[in-house]
Amino acid sequence: MLHLRIITPAERTEETVTTLRGVPGTYNLIVLPGAAREPEGDVILCDVARESGDDAVHALRRLGVDAYGSIAVENVDLTVSQGADRAEKEAPGDSADAVLWDQLAEITHEESTLSVTYLSFMTLATTLAACGVVLDNAVLIVGAMAIGPDFGPLAGVSVAMVERRHRLVARCLICLLVGFAIAIAVTVLFSLAMDAAGLFHAEQLTRHRPITEFIVSPDEFSLIVGVLAGVAGTLSLTSAKSGALVGVAISVTTIPAAANAAVALSYGNYAQTRASSEQLLLNLVAISVAGTLTLLAQKWLWRMRRGRGAAPADGRQDR
């Protein structure tokens, strides 16, 4: 179940309540007259089956509630009520397959913000991976993959493509390009400093590296893994199973490829720089394309299952 908190002017309350009553799976509908102060108005509380959550939010936005009031949505971990159980059964579809598109857009929008925190994690992940590729250390490589924040903007590209939010596409691509550019530049300097300190050596990069040699050998498996990771990552976001994102993060070689490219560049090894860059680009494209196709498939399957045609116009706006 989802919990909705809506603030609306008193003169629009009845219309809003009527709209919510028309959404299958709505229960625990409460009206608190005059309870809101900023913005002023009535507060409406209700629970809605997850599979009807998208319809409820879109219906409220068509009324203009997001313009003259507010809409807040929270997950309800437990509801002990036979009436709520009946409401969930009334809602068409399956809650596990439902996608809250506005929530998904909000998550990816936040994850694709070019912030100091994002750049810090990108830089730390890439420099950590640099140590991993030089030392041929699997633990360091896995750790770097796990803390890399690059899946957020990649997921944002997929969501923006499906929702046709062109400004969000540009925002996510800029976040990726700037993030990797800064991370690689810092890692080049880090590699030079480590070499000056006698901790990195050029022969460590060119020797046989059984654990990390795959980074400079992009092949069909790089594409296959990228596609599978893109599908798994997208499903983990849409189903709120965020724990699966850790598995996605450590199954692709975006961060290690960027790190290897940076270290190779610092030593003038342009062959490895090129091969690592190809590996990085292949993974980025595979993940974003697979994510986009997964979201399109989810949208189509959801419509088919519910027997609906095209989604209603909901006034969504680019961010």
Protein backbone atom coordinates (compact mmCIF):
# COMPACT_ATOMS: atom_id res chain seq x y z
CA MET A 1 0.00 0.00 0.00
CA LEU A 2 0.95 3.64 -0.51
CA HIS A 3 0.05 6.50 1.80
CA LEU A 4 -0.95 9.81 0.19
CA ARG A 5 -0.97 13.18 1.95
CA ILE A 6 -2.70 15.87 -0.07
CA ILE A 7 -3.12 19.56 0.70
CA THR A 8 -5.82 21.40 -1.21
CA PRO A 9 -7.86 24.62 -0.80
CA ALA A 10 -11.15 24.06 0.99
CA GLU A 11 -13.18 24.84 -2.13
CA ARG A 12 -11.42 22.02 -4.02
CA THR A 13 -11.58 19.41 -1.28
CA GLU A 14 -14.83 17.75 -2.32
CA GLU A 15 -13.70 17.47 -5.92
CA THR A 16 -10.42 15.92 -4.79
CA VAL A 17 -12.14 13.44 -2.48
CA THR A 18 -14.53 12.40 -5.26
CA THR A 19 -11.58 11.83 -7.57
CA LEU A 20 -9.80 9.67 -5.01
CA ARG A 21 -12.93 7.63 -4.39
CA GLY A 22 -12.98 6.87 -8.10
CA VAL A 23 -9.53 5.28 -7.96
CA PRO A 24 -9.76 1.51 -7.33
CA GLY A 25 -7.87 0.39 -4.25
CA THR A 26 -8.37 3.59 -2.22
CA TYR A 27 -8.97 3.11 1.51
CA ASN A 28 -8.62 4.90 4.86
CA LEU A 29 -9.76 8.19 3.32
CA ILE A 30 -9.49 11.00 5.90
CA VAL A 31 -10.21 14.73 5.58
CA LEU A 32 -8.77 17.23 8.09
CA PRO A 33 -10.49 20.59 7.40
CA GLY A 34 -8.25 23.63 7.74
CA ALA A 35 -5.31 21.61 9.12
CA ALA A 36 -2.72 22.91 6.63
CA ARG A 37 -0.97 26.24 7.12
CA GLU A 38 1.63 26.34 4.32
CA PRO A 39 0.04 26.09 1.88
CA GLU A 40 -3.24 26.85 3.60
CA GLY A 41 -6.10 24.45 3.10
CA ASP A 42 -7.48 21.06 4.01
CA VAL A 43 -5.38 17.95 4.48
CA ILE A 44 -6.56 14.73 2.83
CA LEU A 45 -5.01 11.43 3.87
CA CYS A 46 -5.59 8.07 2.24
CA ASP A 47 -4.04 4.71 1.47
CA VAL A 48 -3.95 3.45 -2.09
CA ALA A 49 -2.95 0.06 -3.46
CA ARG A 50 0.45 0.33 -5.10
CA GLU A 51 -0.92 -0.82 -8.45
CA SER A 52 -3.29 2.18 -8.42
CA GLY A 53 -0.73 4.67 -7.13
CA ASP A 54 0.24 5.97 -10.55
CA ASP A 55 -3.42 6.48 -11.49
CA ALA A 56 -4.11 8.34 -8.24
CA VAL A 57 -1.19 10.73 -8.65
CA HIS A 58 -2.03 11.40 -12.30
CA ALA A 59 -5.69 12.04 -11.47
CA LEU A 60 -4.70 14.54 -8.78
CA ARG A 61 -2.28 16.27 -11.13
CA ARG A 62 -4.99 16.58 -13.76
CA LEU A 63 -7.05 18.42 -11.13
CA GLY A 64 -4.09 20.75 -10.63
CA VAL A 65 -3.45 19.71 -7.03
CA ASP A 66 0.31 19.85 -7.59
CA ALA A 67 -0.06 23.48 -8.71
CA TYR A 68 -2.31 24.90 -5.96
CA GLY A 69 -1.50 22.40 -3.21
CA SER A 70 0.80 19.43 -2.75
CA ILE A 71 0.93 15.65 -3.10
CA ALA A 72 3.21 13.46 -0.96
CA VAL A 73 3.54 9.70 -1.37
CA GLU A 74 5.04 7.25 1.12
CA ASN A 75 5.37 3.47 1.20
CA VAL A 76 3.35 1.67 3.87
CA ASP A 77 5.29 -1.33 5.18
CA LEU A 78 2.35 -2.91 7.02
CA THR A 79 -1.41 -2.42 7.02
CA VAL A 80 -3.50 -4.70 9.24
CA SER A 81 -7.02 -4.29 7.91
CA GLN A 82 -9.43 -6.55 6.07
CA GLY A 83 -10.83 -3.48 4.34
CA ALA A 84 -7.37 -2.56 3.05
CA ASP A 85 -6.93 -6.14 1.83
CA ARG A 86 -10.20 -5.87 -0.09
CA ALA A 87 -9.10 -2.53 -1.54
CA GLU A 88 -5.88 -4.09 -2.81
CA LYS A 89 -7.86 -6.89 -4.45
CA GLU A 90 -10.07 -4.31 -6.19
CA ALA A 91 -7.08 -2.62 -7.77
CA PRO A 92 -6.28 -4.10 -11.19
CA GLY A 93 -2.87 -5.60 -11.83
CA ASP A 94 -0.20 -6.82 -9.44
CA SER A 95 1.59 -4.53 -6.99
CA ALA A 96 4.93 -6.20 -7.76
CA ASP A 97 4.65 -5.13 -11.41
CA ALA A 98 3.39 -1.60 -10.78
CA VAL A 99 5.69 1.30 -11.69
CA LEU A 100 5.28 4.70 -10.03
CA TRP A 101 6.59 6.85 -12.84
CA ASP A 102 6.67 10.12 -10.92
CA GLN A 103 8.52 8.45 -8.05
CA LEU A 104 10.96 6.86 -10.49
CA ALA A 105 11.59 10.21 -12.17
CA GLU A 106 12.18 11.82 -8.77
CA ILE A 107 14.68 9.15 -7.74
CA THR A 108 16.66 9.33 -10.97
CA HIS A 109 16.52 13.13 -10.94
CA GLU A 110 18.14 13.14 -7.50
CA GLU A 111 20.70 10.49 -8.45
CA SER A 112 21.73 12.42 -11.57
CA THR A 113 22.49 15.68 -9.79
CA LEU A 114 26.01 16.90 -10.49
CA SER A 115 26.85 17.53 -6.85
CA VAL A 116 30.03 17.57 -4.80
CA THR A 117 28.95 14.28 -3.22
CA TYR A 118 28.42 12.63 -6.61
CA LEU A 119 31.80 13.81 -7.90
CA SER A 120 33.49 12.73 -4.67
CA PHE A 121 32.12 9.20 -4.93
CA MET A 122 33.06 9.01 -8.62
CA THR A 123 36.61 10.15 -7.88
CA LEU A 124 37.03 7.90 -4.85
CA ALA A 125 35.67 4.88 -6.72
CA THR A 126 37.95 5.47 -9.70
CA THR A 127 41.11 6.03 -7.64
CA LEU A 128 40.31 2.94 -5.57
CA ALA A 129 39.83 0.97 -8.78
CA ALA A 130 43.18 2.33 -10.01
CA CYS A 131 44.85 0.64 -7.05
CA GLY A 132 42.92 -2.50 -7.88
CA VAL A 133 44.00 -2.67 -11.54
CA VAL A 134 47.64 -1.93 -10.74
CA LEU A 135 47.78 -4.50 -7.95
CA ASP A 136 45.45 -6.91 -9.80
CA ASN A 137 43.37 -7.05 -6.62
CA ALA A 138 39.78 -8.32 -6.88
CA VAL A 139 38.75 -6.96 -3.47
CA LEU A 140 39.68 -3.40 -4.43
CA ILE A 141 37.93 -3.73 -7.80
CA VAL A 142 34.70 -4.99 -6.23
CA GLY A 143 34.83 -2.27 -3.58
CA ALA A 144 35.28 0.40 -6.23
CA MET A 145 32.37 -0.96 -8.26
CA ALA A 146 30.12 -0.99 -5.21
CA ILE A 147 30.64 2.68 -4.34
CA GLY A 148 30.52 3.99 -7.90
CA PRO A 149 27.43 6.24 -8.36
CA ASP A 150 27.27 6.04 -12.15
CA PHE A 151 24.16 3.83 -12.36
CA GLY A 152 21.96 6.70 -11.17
CA PRO A 153 22.53 8.90 -14.26
CA LEU A 154 22.35 5.82 -16.51
CA ALA A 155 18.93 4.95 -15.07
CA GLY A 156 17.98 8.60 -15.48
CA VAL A 157 18.76 8.43 -19.19
CA SER A 158 16.47 5.41 -19.56
CA VAL A 159 13.60 7.01 -17.64
CA ALA A 160 13.97 10.29 -19.51
CA MET A 161 13.97 8.51 -22.88
CA VAL A 162 10.78 6.60 -22.06
CA GLU A 163 9.06 9.66 -20.60
CA ARG A 164 10.42 11.90 -23.39
CA ARG A 165 11.93 14.37 -20.95
CA HIS A 166 14.64 15.76 -23.18
CA ARG A 167 16.09 18.13 -20.62
CA LEU A 168 16.50 15.25 -18.17
CA VAL A 169 18.33 13.23 -20.85
CA ALA A 170 20.78 16.09 -21.33
CA ARG A 171 21.14 16.53 -17.56
CA CYS A 172 21.98 12.84 -17.03
CA LEU A 173 24.43 12.72 -19.94
CA ILE A 174 26.22 15.83 -18.68
CA CYS A 175 26.36 14.28 -15.20
CA LEU A 176 27.95 11.13 -16.63
CA LEU A 177 30.43 12.90 -18.91
CA VAL A 178 31.55 15.47 -16.35
CA GLY A 179 31.69 12.85 -13.59
CA PHE A 180 33.88 10.46 -15.55
CA ALA A 181 36.03 13.27 -16.97
CA ILE A 182 36.82 14.67 -13.51
CA ALA A 183 37.31 11.21 -12.02
CA ILE A 184 39.73 10.20 -14.79
CA ALA A 185 41.63 13.49 -14.55
CA VAL A 186 42.05 13.15 -10.78
CA THR A 187 43.05 9.50 -11.16
CA VAL A 188 45.74 10.44 -13.70
CA LEU A 189 47.21 12.84 -11.13
CA PHE A 190 46.83 10.19 -8.43
CA SER A 191 48.67 7.66 -10.60
CA LEU A 192 51.51 10.09 -11.28
CA ALA A 193 51.81 10.81 -7.55
CA MET A 194 51.85 7.11 -6.72
CA ASP A 195 54.50 6.54 -9.37
CA ALA A 196 56.63 9.36 -7.97
CA ALA A 197 56.32 7.75 -4.55
CA GLY A 198 57.47 4.43 -5.97
CA LEU A 199 54.14 2.71 -5.27
CA PHE A 200 52.99 2.38 -8.90
CA HIS A 201 55.22 1.05 -11.68
CA ALA A 202 54.63 0.95 -15.43
CA GLU A 203 55.38 -2.78 -15.65
CA GLN A 204 52.52 -3.49 -13.23
CA LEU A 205 50.12 -2.34 -15.91
CA THR A 206 51.65 -4.35 -18.75
CA ARG A 207 52.33 -7.60 -16.90
CA HIS A 208 49.94 -10.54 -16.98
CA ARG A 209 46.93 -9.63 -14.80
CA PRO A 210 44.64 -12.68 -14.56
CA ILE A 211 42.00 -10.86 -12.47
CA THR A 212 41.75 -7.48 -14.19
CA GLU A 213 43.01 -8.18 -17.71
CA PHE A 214 39.41 -8.40 -18.94
CA ILE A 215 39.13 -4.63 -18.55
CA VAL A 216 41.30 -4.05 -21.62
CA SER A 217 39.64 -6.84 -23.61
CA PRO A 218 36.14 -5.67 -24.59
CA ASP A 219 34.20 -8.43 -26.33
CA GLU A 220 30.69 -9.79 -26.81
CA PHE A 221 30.50 -10.75 -23.14
CA SER A 222 31.01 -7.11 -22.18
CA LEU A 223 27.88 -6.30 -24.16
CA ILE A 224 25.91 -9.23 -22.74
CA VAL A 225 26.84 -8.40 -19.13
CA GLY A 226 26.02 -4.74 -19.70
CA VAL A 227 22.59 -5.61 -21.08
CA LEU A 228 21.80 -8.00 -18.23
CA ALA A 229 22.98 -5.47 -15.66
CA GLY A 230 20.84 -2.75 -17.26
CA VAL A 231 17.74 -4.96 -17.08
CA ALA A 232 18.43 -6.03 -13.48
CA GLY A 233 19.18 -2.49 -12.33
CA THR A 234 16.03 -1.09 -13.90
CA LEU A 235 13.86 -3.80 -12.35
CA SER A 236 15.42 -3.14 -8.95
CA LEU A 237 14.47 0.54 -9.21
CA THR A 238 10.92 0.03 -10.44
CA SER A 239 10.15 -2.70 -7.90
CA ALA A 240 11.79 -0.83 -4.99
CA LYS A 241 14.23 -3.71 -4.49
CA SER A 242 17.26 -1.46 -4.06
CA GLY A 243 19.39 -4.25 -2.64
CA ALA A 244 19.75 -5.67 -6.14
CA LEU A 245 21.58 -2.50 -7.21
CA VAL A 246 24.67 -3.67 -5.34
CA GLY A 247 24.80 -6.75 -7.54
CA VAL A 248 24.36 -4.59 -10.61
CA ALA A 249 27.15 -2.25 -9.53
CA ILE A 250 29.69 -5.06 -9.15
CA SER A 251 28.76 -6.81 -12.40
CA VAL A 252 29.79 -4.11 -14.85
CA THR A 253 33.20 -2.61 -15.52
CA THR A 254 32.48 1.08 -15.92
CA ILE A 255 34.51 2.30 -12.93
CA PRO A 256 37.44 -0.15 -13.39
CA ALA A 257 37.58 0.68 -17.11
CA ALA A 258 37.76 4.39 -16.34
CA ALA A 259 40.48 3.73 -13.75
CA ASN A 260 42.55 1.58 -16.13
CA ALA A 261 42.22 4.23 -18.83
CA ALA A 262 43.48 6.88 -16.40
CA VAL A 263 46.47 4.85 -15.19
CA ALA A 264 47.38 3.85 -18.75
CA LEU A 265 47.13 7.48 -19.83
CA SER A 266 49.48 8.55 -17.06
CA TYR A 267 52.10 6.13 -18.42
CA GLY A 268 51.48 7.00 -22.06
CA ASN A 269 50.08 3.53 -22.78
CA TYR A 270 47.56 4.67 -25.36
CA ALA A 271 46.66 1.15 -26.49
CA GLN A 272 45.30 0.30 -23.05
CA THR A 273 43.71 3.73 -22.75
CA ARG A 274 41.81 3.14 -25.98
CA ALA A 275 40.80 -0.43 -25.06
CA SER A 276 39.62 0.63 -21.60
CA SER A 277 37.67 3.53 -23.08
CA GLU A 278 35.96 1.15 -25.49
CA GLN A 279 35.05 -1.10 -22.57
CA LEU A 280 33.64 1.87 -20.67
CA LEU A 281 31.61 3.14 -23.63
CA LEU A 282 30.29 -0.34 -24.44
CA ASN A 283 29.02 -0.82 -20.90
CA LEU A 284 27.46 2.64 -20.70
CA VAL A 285 25.57 2.18 -23.97
CA ALA A 286 24.49 -1.37 -23.15
CA ILE A 287 23.13 -0.42 -19.71
CA SER A 288 21.23 2.64 -20.91
CA VAL A 289 19.71 0.89 -23.95
CA ALA A 290 18.76 -2.19 -21.92
CA GLY A 291 17.25 0.01 -19.22
CA THR A 292 15.18 1.93 -21.76
CA LEU A 293 13.88 -1.25 -23.40
CA THR A 294 13.06 -2.74 -19.99
CA LEU A 295 10.98 0.30 -19.01
CA LEU A 296 9.18 0.24 -22.37
CA ALA A 297 8.42 -3.45 -21.91
CA GLN A 298 7.16 -2.85 -18.35
CA LYS A 299 4.90 -0.05 -19.53
CA TRP A 300 3.50 -2.17 -22.38
CA LEU A 301 2.98 -5.27 -20.22
CA TRP A 302 1.27 -3.20 -17.51
CA ARG A 303 -1.14 -1.69 -20.02
CA MET A 304 -1.86 -5.10 -21.55
CA ARG A 305 -2.48 -6.67 -18.16
CA ARG A 306 -4.84 -3.94 -17.08
CA GLY A 307 -6.55 -3.80 -20.45
CA ARG A 308 -5.77 -0.12 -20.92
CA GLY A 309 -4.81 1.81 -23.97
CA ALA A 310 -2.39 4.71 -23.90
CA ALA A 311 -1.55 6.31 -20.58
CA PRO A 312 -3.59 9.42 -19.78
CA ALA A 313 -2.14 12.85 -20.30
CA ASP A 314 -0.84 13.83 -16.93
CA GLY A 315 0.89 17.11 -17.42
CA ARG A 316 4.35 15.80 -16.60
CA GLN A 317 7.04 18.37 -17.05
CA ASP A 318 10.71 18.25 -17.80
CA ARG A 319 12.98 19.03 -14.90
